[in-house]
PDB file of N, CA and C in Angstrom:
ATOM      1  N   MET A   1       0.790  -1.265  -0.072  1.00  0.00           N
ATOM      2  CA  MET A   1       0.084  -0.035  -0.019  1.00  0.00           C
ATOM      3  C   MET A   1       0.832   1.190   0.121  1.00  0.00           C
ATOM      4  N   THR A   2       0.659   2.106  -0.865  1.00  0.00           N
ATOM      5  CA  THR A   2       1.319   3.418  -1.027  1.00  0.00           C
ATOM      6  C   THR A   2       0.657   4.585  -0.249  1.00  0.00           C
ATOM      7  N   HIS A   3       1.366   5.368   0.450  1.00  0.00           N
ATOM      8  CA  HIS A   3       0.824   6.556   1.096  1.00  0.00           C
ATOM      9  C   HIS A   3       1.530   7.675   0.568  1.00  0.00           C
ATOM     10  N   GLN A   4       0.838   8.710   0.223  1.00  0.00           N
ATOM     11  CA  GLN A   4       1.525  10.003  -0.115  1.00  0.00           C
ATOM     12  C   GLN A   4       0.931  11.164   0.720  1.00  0.00           C
ATOM     13  N   TYR A   5       1.957  11.924   1.109  1.00  0.00           N
ATOM     14  CA  TYR A   5       1.785  13.111   1.890  1.00  0.00           C
ATOM     15  C   TYR A   5       2.363  14.250   1.209  1.00  0.00           C
ATOM     16  N   GLN A   6       1.718  15.525   1.258  1.00  0.00           N
ATOM     17  CA  GLN A   6       2.291  16.611   0.650  1.00  0.00           C
ATOM     18  C   GLN A   6       2.482  17.799   1.717  1.00  0.00           C
ATOM     19  N   SER A   7       3.630  18.307   1.573  1.00  0.00           N
ATOM     20  CA  SER A   7       4.030  19.442   2.637  1.00  0.00           C
ATOM     21  C   SER A   7       4.580  20.487   1.796  1.00  0.00           C
ATOM     22  N   HIS A   8       4.753  21.583   2.453  1.00  0.00           N
ATOM     23  CA  HIS A   8       5.339  22.800   1.813  1.00  0.00           C
ATOM     24  C   HIS A   8       6.373  23.462   2.932  1.00  0.00           C
ATOM     25  N   ILE A   9       7.467  23.907   2.488  1.00  0.00           N
ATOM     26  CA  ILE A   9       8.390  24.658   3.389  1.00  0.00           C
ATOM     27  C   ILE A   9       8.202  26.191   2.854  1.00  0.00           C
ATOM     28  N   VAL A  10       7.917  26.911   3.827  1.00  0.00           N
ATOM     29  CA  VAL A  10       7.710  28.434   3.588  1.00  0.00           C
ATOM     30  C   VAL A  10       8.809  29.186   4.429  1.00  0.00           C
ATOM     31  N   TRP A  11       9.676  29.921   3.621  1.00  0.00           N
ATOM     32  CA  TRP A  11      10.718  30.624   4.328  1.00  0.00           C
ATOM     33  C   TRP A  11      10.021  31.815   4.967  1.00  0.00           C
ATOM     34  N   THR A  12      10.293  32.135   6.149  1.00  0.00           N
ATOM     35  CA  THR A  12       9.688  33.264   6.914  1.00  0.00           C
ATOM     36  C   THR A  12      10.718  34.171   7.501  1.00  0.00           C
ATOM     37  N   GLY A  13      11.949  34.110   7.002  1.00  0.00           N
ATOM     38  CA  GLY A  13      13.055  34.982   7.478  1.00  0.00           C
ATOM     39  C   GLY A  13      13.350  36.342   6.796  1.00  0.00           C
ATOM     40  N   ASN A  14      12.591  36.594   5.723  1.00  0.00           N
ATOM     41  CA  ASN A  14      12.652  37.852   5.041  1.00  0.00           C
ATOM     42  C   ASN A  14      12.275  39.015   5.957  1.00  0.00           C
ATOM     43  N   ARG A  15      13.163  39.902   6.284  1.00  0.00           N
ATOM     44  CA  ARG A  15      12.866  41.097   7.114  1.00  0.00           C
ATOM     45  C   ARG A  15      12.626  42.329   6.089  1.00  0.00           C
ATOM     46  N   GLY A  16      12.353  41.951   4.850  1.00  0.00           N
ATOM     47  CA  GLY A  16      12.071  43.101   3.921  1.00  0.00           C
ATOM     48  C   GLY A  16      13.231  43.450   2.967  1.00  0.00           C
ATOM     49  N   GLU A  17      14.481  42.714   3.179  1.00  0.00           N
ATOM     50  CA  GLU A  17      15.618  43.032   2.394  1.00  0.00           C
ATOM     51  C   GLU A  17      16.006  41.644   1.629  1.00  0.00           C
ATOM     52  N   GLY A  18      15.213  40.672   1.738  1.00  0.00           N
ATOM     53  CA  GLY A  18      15.607  39.465   1.224  1.00  0.00           C
ATOM     54  C   GLY A  18      16.825  39.019   1.818  1.00  0.00           C
ATOM     55  N   THR A  19      17.753  38.491   0.839  1.00  0.00           N
ATOM     56  CA  THR A  19      19.156  37.981   1.295  1.00  0.00           C
ATOM     57  C   THR A  19      20.289  38.896   0.801  1.00  0.00           C
ATOM     58  N   SER A  20      19.914  40.251   0.930  1.00  0.00           N
ATOM     59  CA  SER A  20      20.818  41.197   0.501  1.00  0.00           C
ATOM     60  C   SER A  20      22.246  41.215   1.323  1.00  0.00           C
ATOM     61  N   GLY A  21      22.128  40.819   2.513  1.00  0.00           N
ATOM     62  CA  GLY A  21      23.314  40.728   3.375  1.00  0.00           C
ATOM     63  C   GLY A  21      23.215  39.485   4.393  1.00  0.00           C
ATOM     64  N   TYR A  22      24.360  39.049   4.841  1.00  0.00           N
ATOM     65  CA  TYR A  22      24.340  37.912   5.743  1.00  0.00           C
ATOM     66  C   TYR A  22      23.451  38.094   6.944  1.00  0.00           C
ATOM     67  N   ARG A  23      23.455  39.275   7.530  1.00  0.00           N
ATOM     68  CA  ARG A  23      22.763  39.506   8.769  1.00  0.00           C
ATOM     69  C   ARG A  23      21.288  40.244   8.470  1.00  0.00           C
ATOM     70  N   SER A  24      20.905  40.229   7.111  1.00  0.00           N
ATOM     71  CA  SER A  24      19.689  40.980   6.900  1.00  0.00           C
ATOM     72  C   SER A  24      18.506  40.129   6.827  1.00  0.00           C
ATOM     73  N   TYR A  25      18.483  38.805   7.199  1.00  0.00           N
ATOM     74  CA  TYR A  25      17.396  37.797   7.210  1.00  0.00           C
ATOM     75  C   TYR A  25      17.556  36.855   8.309  1.00  0.00           C
ATOM     76  N   ASP A  26      16.404  36.428   8.799  1.00  0.00           N
ATOM     77  CA  ASP A  26      16.466  35.326   9.864  1.00  0.00           C
ATOM     78  C   ASP A  26      16.532  33.958   9.084  1.00  0.00           C
ATOM     79  N   ARG A  27      16.998  32.967   9.866  1.00  0.00           N
ATOM     80  CA  ARG A  27      17.197  31.619   9.488  1.00  0.00           C
ATOM     81  C   ARG A  27      16.039  30.823   9.774  1.00  0.00           C
ATOM     82  N   THR A  28      14.838  31.217   9.366  1.00  0.00           N
ATOM     83  CA  THR A  28      13.583  30.490   9.892  1.00  0.00           C
ATOM     84  C   THR A  28      12.793  30.285   8.783  1.00  0.00           C
ATOM     85  N   TRP A  29      11.921  29.228   9.066  1.00  0.00           N
ATOM     86  CA  TRP A  29      11.071  28.676   7.896  1.00  0.00           C
ATOM     87  C   TRP A  29       9.901  27.846   8.625  1.00  0.00           C
ATOM     88  N   ASP A  30       8.712  27.601   7.997  1.00  0.00           N
ATOM     89  CA  ASP A  30       7.656  26.787   8.565  1.00  0.00           C
ATOM     90  C   ASP A  30       7.477  25.669   7.642  1.00  0.00           C
ATOM     91  N   ILE A  31       7.131  24.594   8.223  1.00  0.00           N
ATOM     92  CA  ILE A  31       6.695  23.305   7.497  1.00  0.00           C
ATOM     93  C   ILE A  31       5.210  23.221   7.592  1.00  0.00           C
ATOM     94  N   ALA A  32       4.469  23.327   6.487  1.00  0.00           N
ATOM     95  CA  ALA A  32       3.145  23.395   6.358  1.00  0.00           C
ATOM     96  C   ALA A  32       2.542  21.965   5.716  1.00  0.00           C
ATOM     97  N   VAL A  33       1.683  21.414   6.532  1.00  0.00           N
ATOM     98  CA  VAL A  33       0.978  20.123   6.159  1.00  0.00           C
ATOM     99  C   VAL A  33      -0.460  20.507   6.227  1.00  0.00           C
ATOM    100  N   GLU A  34      -1.316  20.321   5.177  1.00  0.00           N
ATOM    101  CA  GLU A  34      -2.768  20.616   5.244  1.00  0.00           C
ATOM    102  C   GLU A  34      -3.338  19.901   6.351  1.00  0.00           C
ATOM    103  N   GLY A  35      -4.177  20.593   7.137  1.00  0.00           N
ATOM    104  CA  GLY A  35      -4.939  20.060   8.249  1.00  0.00           C
ATOM    105  C   GLY A  35      -4.076  19.863   9.629  1.00  0.00           C
ATOM    106  N   LYS A  36      -2.767  20.233   9.566  1.00  0.00           N
ATOM    107  CA  LYS A  36      -1.955  20.111  10.808  1.00  0.00           C
ATOM    108  C   LYS A  36      -1.442  21.390  11.211  1.00  0.00           C
ATOM    109  N   PRO A  37      -1.075  21.614  12.388  1.00  0.00           N
ATOM    110  CA  PRO A  37      -0.451  22.858  12.810  1.00  0.00           C
ATOM    111  C   PRO A  37       0.987  23.137  12.103  1.00  0.00           C
ATOM    112  N   LEU A  38       1.254  24.387  11.960  1.00  0.00           N
ATOM    113  CA  LEU A  38       2.573  24.841  11.364  1.00  0.00           C
ATOM    114  C   LEU A  38       3.645  24.313  12.239  1.00  0.00           C
ATOM    115  N   ILE A  39       4.815  23.882  11.741  1.00  0.00           N
ATOM    116  CA  ILE A  39       6.049  23.590  12.491  1.00  0.00           C
ATOM    117  C   ILE A  39       7.031  24.597  12.251  1.00  0.00           C
ATOM    118  N   HIS A  40       7.252  25.530  13.238  1.00  0.00           N
ATOM    119  CA  HIS A  40       8.171  26.581  13.036  1.00  0.00           C
ATOM    120  C   HIS A  40       9.609  26.094  13.324  1.00  0.00           C
ATOM    121  N   CYS A  41      10.497  26.402  12.357  1.00  0.00           N
ATOM    122  CA  CYS A  41      11.851  25.888  12.403  1.00  0.00           C
ATOM    123  C   CYS A  41      12.887  26.997  12.166  1.00  0.00           C
ATOM    124  N   SER A  42      14.002  26.585  12.620  1.00  0.00           N
ATOM    125  CA  SER A  42      15.218  27.469  12.430  1.00  0.00           C
ATOM    126  C   SER A  42      16.472  26.757  12.354  1.00  0.00           C
ATOM    127  N   ASN A  43      17.522  27.381  11.885  1.00  0.00           N
ATOM    128  CA  ASN A  43      18.842  26.953  11.766  1.00  0.00           C
ATOM    129  C   ASN A  43      19.380  26.800  13.198  1.00  0.00           C
ATOM    130  N   ASP A  44      20.421  26.026  13.453  1.00  0.00           N
ATOM    131  CA  ASP A  44      21.086  25.961  14.695  1.00  0.00           C
ATOM    132  C   ASP A  44      21.532  27.406  15.147  1.00  0.00           C
ATOM    133  N   PRO A  45      21.424  27.653  16.452  1.00  0.00           N
ATOM    134  CA  PRO A  45      21.896  28.994  16.896  1.00  0.00           C
ATOM    135  C   PRO A  45      23.284  29.379  16.438  1.00  0.00           C
ATOM    136  N   LEU A  46      24.272  28.498  16.471  1.00  0.00           N
ATOM    137  CA  LEU A  46      25.545  28.720  15.998  1.00  0.00           C
ATOM    138  C   LEU A  46      25.600  29.403  14.732  1.00  0.00           C
ATOM    139  N   LEU A  47      24.532  29.065  13.794  1.00  0.00           N
ATOM    140  CA  LEU A  47      24.481  29.651  12.407  1.00  0.00           C
ATOM    141  C   LEU A  47      23.497  30.755  12.307  1.00  0.00           C
ATOM    142  N   GLY A  48      23.143  31.357  13.475  1.00  0.00           N
ATOM    143  CA  GLY A  48      22.220  32.574  13.462  1.00  0.00           C
ATOM    144  C   GLY A  48      20.795  32.149  13.659  1.00  0.00           C
ATOM    145  N   GLY A  49      20.561  31.048  14.021  1.00  0.00           N
ATOM    146  CA  GLY A  49      19.099  30.550  14.118  1.00  0.00           C
ATOM    147  C   GLY A  49      18.491  30.899  15.480  1.00  0.00           C
ATOM    148  N   ASP A  50      17.170  30.639  15.597  1.00  0.00           N
ATOM    149  CA  ASP A  50      16.442  31.066  16.845  1.00  0.00           C
ATOM    150  C   ASP A  50      16.448  29.774  17.763  1.00  0.00           C
ATOM    151  N   PRO A  51      17.035  29.776  18.952  1.00  0.00           N
ATOM    152  CA  PRO A  51      17.105  28.682  19.783  1.00  0.00           C
ATOM    153  C   PRO A  51      15.866  28.107  20.257  1.00  0.00           C
ATOM    154  N   ALA A  52      14.675  29.023  20.236  1.00  0.00           N
ATOM    155  CA  ALA A  52      13.315  28.643  20.684  1.00  0.00           C
ATOM    156  C   ALA A  52      12.686  27.765  19.577  1.00  0.00           C
ATOM    157  N   LYS A  53      13.181  27.731  18.440  1.00  0.00           N
ATOM    158  CA  LYS A  53      12.437  26.983  17.400  1.00  0.00           C
ATOM    159  C   LYS A  53      13.157  25.556  16.968  1.00  0.00           C
ATOM    160  N   MET A  54      12.312  24.809  16.482  1.00  0.00           N
ATOM    161  CA  MET A  54      12.900  23.352  16.116  1.00  0.00           C
ATOM    162  C   MET A  54      14.000  23.633  15.187  1.00  0.00           C
ATOM    163  N   LYS A  55      15.080  22.773  15.312  1.00  0.00           N
ATOM    164  CA  LYS A  55      16.262  22.940  14.295  1.00  0.00           C
ATOM    165  C   LYS A  55      16.237  21.895  13.288  1.00  0.00           C
ATOM    166  N   THR A  56      17.107  22.132  12.336  1.00  0.00           N
ATOM    167  CA  THR A  56      17.273  21.089  11.197  1.00  0.00           C
ATOM    168  C   THR A  56      17.956  19.984  11.993  1.00  0.00           C
ATOM    169  N   PRO A  57      17.512  18.760  11.592  1.00  0.00           N
ATOM    170  CA  PRO A  57      18.138  17.514  12.306  1.00  0.00           C
ATOM    171  C   PRO A  57      19.568  17.417  11.770  1.00  0.00           C
ATOM    172  N   LYS A  58      20.431  16.731  12.548  1.00  0.00           N
ATOM    173  CA  LYS A  58      21.679  16.242  12.044  1.00  0.00           C
ATOM    174  C   LYS A  58      21.615  15.064  11.324  1.00  0.00           C
ATOM    175  N   ILE A  59      22.138  14.941  10.132  1.00  0.00           N
ATOM    176  CA  ILE A  59      21.989  13.711   9.307  1.00  0.00           C
ATOM    177  C   ILE A  59      23.298  13.011   9.241  1.00  0.00           C
TER     178      ILE A  59
END
């Protein structure tokens, strides 16, 4: 049996300047799945991320 799930990653780090400079944007994004709560994510704090948000897993 095959199961398919669709999700979207939405970058939320734009502070109005896009990626014009290294410190001009947040390292944050949301994972969106229809019918489920958003998952707010961020890079590791050592890379400028928000420590209060879920981080990218180590692979």
